[in-house]
Protein backbone atom coordinates (compact mmCIF):
# COMPACT_ATOMS: atom_id res chain seq x y z
CA MET A 1 71.46 49.13 138.22
CA GLY A 2 70.11 48.07 134.82
CA VAL A 3 72.17 47.10 131.82
CA LYS A 4 72.24 49.66 129.03
CA PRO A 5 72.13 47.90 125.65
CA ARG A 6 73.87 49.07 122.51
CA THR A 7 72.07 52.06 121.05
CA GLY A 8 69.22 50.88 118.84
CA SER A 9 69.52 47.21 119.79
CA LYS A 10 66.30 45.48 120.75
CA ILE A 11 66.54 42.96 123.58
CA ILE A 12 65.03 39.51 123.15
CA THR A 13 64.70 37.50 126.36
CA LEU A 14 64.84 33.74 125.94
CA PHE A 15 62.96 31.39 128.26
CA GLY A 16 63.73 27.67 128.36
CA SER A 17 65.03 24.69 130.27
CA TYR A 18 68.36 24.44 132.07
CA ARG A 19 68.43 20.69 131.33
CA PRO A 20 69.76 20.39 127.74
CA LYS A 21 73.39 19.28 127.66
CA PRO A 22 76.02 20.26 125.07
CA GLY A 23 75.60 18.19 121.93
CA SER A 24 71.92 17.39 122.54
CA LYS A 25 69.29 18.28 119.94
CA GLU A 26 67.72 20.95 122.17
CA TYR A 27 71.10 22.48 123.04
CA LEU A 28 72.04 22.74 119.36
CA LEU A 29 68.64 24.27 118.53
CA ALA A 30 69.12 26.92 121.24
CA CYS A 31 72.62 27.63 119.93
CA ARG A 32 71.26 28.11 116.41
CA THR A 33 68.54 30.37 117.79
CA GLY A 34 71.03 32.62 119.57
CA GLU A 35 73.01 32.85 116.35
CA ALA A 36 69.91 33.73 114.28
CA LEU A 37 68.87 36.46 116.72
CA ALA A 38 72.36 37.98 116.84
CA ARG A 39 72.62 37.97 113.03
CA ALA A 40 69.24 39.77 112.92
CA GLY A 41 70.73 42.51 115.14
CA PHE A 42 69.14 41.63 118.47
CA LEU A 43 70.77 41.69 121.88
CA LEU A 44 70.13 38.39 123.64
CA CYS A 45 69.06 38.15 127.29
CA ASN A 46 68.41 35.06 129.40
CA GLY A 47 68.77 33.64 132.90
CA GLY A 48 72.54 33.33 132.51
CA PHE A 49 73.06 29.73 133.64
CA GLY A 50 73.18 26.39 131.74
CA GLY A 51 71.05 24.48 129.24
CA THR A 52 69.20 26.60 126.69
CA MET A 53 70.54 29.73 128.43
CA GLU A 54 74.15 28.72 127.85
CA ALA A 55 73.49 27.40 124.35
CA SER A 56 71.64 30.50 123.12
CA ALA A 57 74.32 32.79 124.55
CA LYS A 58 77.03 30.66 122.90
CA GLY A 59 75.29 30.91 119.53
CA ALA A 60 74.86 34.67 119.88
CA LYS A 61 78.52 35.18 120.82
CA GLU A 62 79.75 33.03 117.94
CA ALA A 63 77.70 35.23 115.59
CA GLY A 64 79.24 38.41 117.03
CA GLY A 65 76.28 39.35 119.22
CA GLU A 66 76.02 40.65 122.77
CA THR A 67 74.48 38.84 125.72
CA ILE A 68 72.97 39.71 129.09
CA GLY A 69 72.47 37.21 131.90
CA ILE A 70 70.00 37.92 134.71
CA THR A 71 71.08 35.68 137.59
CA PHE A 72 70.20 35.59 141.26
CA SER A 73 72.02 34.99 144.51
CA GLY A 74 69.79 32.15 145.71
CA LYS A 75 72.05 29.57 144.07
CA ASN A 76 75.80 29.19 144.14
CA LEU A 77 75.98 29.19 140.35
CA LYS A 78 78.14 31.35 138.14
CA ALA A 79 76.96 32.84 134.88
CA ASN A 80 77.96 30.79 131.86
CA PRO A 81 81.09 31.92 129.99
CA TYR A 82 79.13 33.33 127.03
CA ILE A 83 77.46 36.10 129.04
CA ASP A 84 78.90 39.59 128.45
CA ARG A 85 77.03 41.42 131.17
CA VAL A 86 75.57 39.96 134.34
CA GLU A 87 72.79 41.48 136.44
CA LYS A 88 72.61 39.60 139.73
CA LYS A 89 69.29 39.92 141.57
CA ARG A 90 68.59 39.13 145.21
CA SER A 91 65.76 36.67 144.64
CA LEU A 92 64.19 34.47 142.01
CA LEU A 93 61.12 36.72 141.84
CA GLU A 94 63.23 39.83 141.31
CA ARG A 95 65.14 37.98 138.60
CA LEU A 96 61.91 36.90 136.86
CA GLU A 97 60.55 40.43 136.84
CA ARG A 98 63.77 41.80 135.35
CA LEU A 99 63.84 39.13 132.63
CA VAL A 100 60.33 40.20 131.68
CA THR A 101 60.68 43.98 131.93
CA ILE A 102 64.09 44.36 130.22
CA ALA A 103 62.83 42.75 127.01
CA ASP A 104 61.42 44.14 123.80
CA GLY A 105 60.26 40.60 122.97
CA TYR A 106 60.38 37.01 124.23
CA LEU A 107 61.43 33.74 122.63
CA VAL A 108 60.16 30.61 124.36
CA PHE A 109 61.64 27.12 124.14
CA LYS A 110 60.25 23.89 125.51
CA GLY A 111 60.67 23.93 129.29
CA GLY A 112 59.32 23.04 132.71
CA THR A 113 57.73 24.93 135.58
CA GLY A 114 60.29 27.75 135.46
CA THR A 115 59.50 28.45 131.82
CA LEU A 116 55.79 28.18 132.57
CA LEU A 117 56.22 30.77 135.34
CA GLU A 118 58.03 33.14 132.95
CA VAL A 119 55.41 32.79 130.21
CA SER A 120 52.60 33.24 132.75
CA LEU A 121 54.20 36.39 134.15
CA VAL A 122 54.42 37.95 130.68
CA LEU A 123 50.81 37.06 129.87
CA GLU A 124 49.55 38.32 133.24
CA TYR A 125 51.48 41.60 133.12
CA THR A 126 50.17 42.16 129.61
CA HIS A 127 46.58 41.24 130.45
CA LYS A 128 46.57 43.50 133.53
CA LYS A 129 48.25 46.27 131.49
CA PHE A 130 51.24 46.47 133.85
CA MET A 131 53.33 46.65 130.67
CA PRO A 132 52.66 47.08 126.95
CA LEU A 133 52.03 44.12 124.69
CA LYS A 134 55.35 42.77 123.38
CA PRO A 135 55.99 40.03 120.83
CA MET A 136 56.22 36.50 122.21
CA VAL A 137 57.47 33.86 119.79
CA PHE A 138 57.32 30.17 120.67
CA LEU A 139 59.78 27.81 118.98
CA GLY A 140 57.79 24.63 118.37
CA ASN A 141 54.31 23.70 119.58
CA PHE A 142 55.12 22.56 123.14
CA TRP A 143 53.24 25.50 124.75
CA LYS A 144 50.45 25.90 122.16
CA ALA A 145 47.60 24.33 124.18
CA THR A 146 48.68 26.12 127.38
CA VAL A 147 48.77 29.54 125.74
CA LYS A 148 45.43 28.98 124.00
CA LYS A 149 43.77 28.04 127.28
CA ALA A 150 45.30 31.02 129.12
CA ARG A 151 44.10 33.41 126.41
CA GLN A 152 40.57 31.94 126.49
CA GLU A 153 40.40 32.36 130.26
CA SER A 154 41.72 35.92 130.15
CA GLY A 155 39.33 36.95 127.41
CA THR A 156 42.02 37.81 124.88
CA ASP A 157 41.61 34.93 122.44
CA PRO A 158 40.35 36.39 119.15
CA GLN A 159 38.51 33.13 118.47
CA PHE A 160 36.18 34.01 121.37
CA HIS A 161 36.48 37.78 121.75
CA PHE A 162 36.58 40.00 118.68
CA THR A 163 38.27 43.05 120.10
CA LYS A 164 41.09 45.24 118.85
CA GLU A 165 43.28 44.10 121.77
CA ALA A 166 42.59 40.42 121.02
CA ASP A 167 43.43 40.93 117.36
CA ARG A 168 46.68 42.70 118.23
CA MET A 169 47.59 39.90 120.65
CA LYS A 170 47.04 37.38 117.86
CA GLN A 171 49.64 39.24 115.78
CA MET A 172 52.10 39.48 118.68
CA ILE A 173 52.01 35.85 119.86
CA ARG A 174 53.37 33.45 117.26
CA PHE A 175 54.45 29.85 116.96
CA VAL A 176 57.32 29.09 114.58
CA SER A 177 59.30 25.98 113.69
CA THR A 178 62.83 27.31 113.08
CA PRO A 179 65.24 29.79 114.69
CA GLU A 180 65.39 31.74 111.44
CA ALA A 181 61.59 32.08 111.38
CA ALA A 182 61.71 33.34 114.97
CA ALA A 183 64.24 36.05 114.08
CA ARG A 184 62.13 37.08 111.06
CA ALA A 185 59.00 37.25 113.22
CA PHE A 186 60.69 39.60 115.69
CA ARG A 187 61.97 41.82 112.90
CA GLU A 188 58.54 41.96 111.28
CA ILE A 189 56.62 42.66 114.49
CA LEU A 190 59.04 45.16 116.01
CA GLU A 191 59.51 47.08 112.76
CA SER A 192 55.79 47.22 111.94
CA ASP A 193 54.97 48.20 115.53
CA GLY A 194 57.26 51.22 115.24
CA SER A 195 59.33 49.97 118.16
């Protein structure tokens, strides 16, 4: 059964690495990001375990926000202590799909193959019109070349294809340098989109 968010709250799903440890630069950045999103009125969702997932949930909780963790039974891991509501899925693929479909928008940190899989799933579902276009905000430039190449190959890069869909995608996919800029981007996109 799906989690029902607070009335009117938009859900932002965060994708990122499980590797950052408490006190590291990346952990602190994720914590600050969770805080910025909660202060902007968003409900935070992530994979529920450690690293950027734990840090972003910690930041959101410290700012008075709510958190959702989408975990799966393939690992003997418990959700981190900053998760309010846990949805446990049977498999990694079921978990990935739920992380993507529950969201009103996505915030992407630096990460490895898991993060790449999550970003690819969003782009593919959008390109194939399995779901509507939703804002995707990247914190930093780690994924910039990858996203540009994927958009060129799918025919949605406005630099190569001047279509209404390509132009809208350009507005919905953004790269920012601070957590506060990410929160502002989500507010701007979701409010102007009438969502």
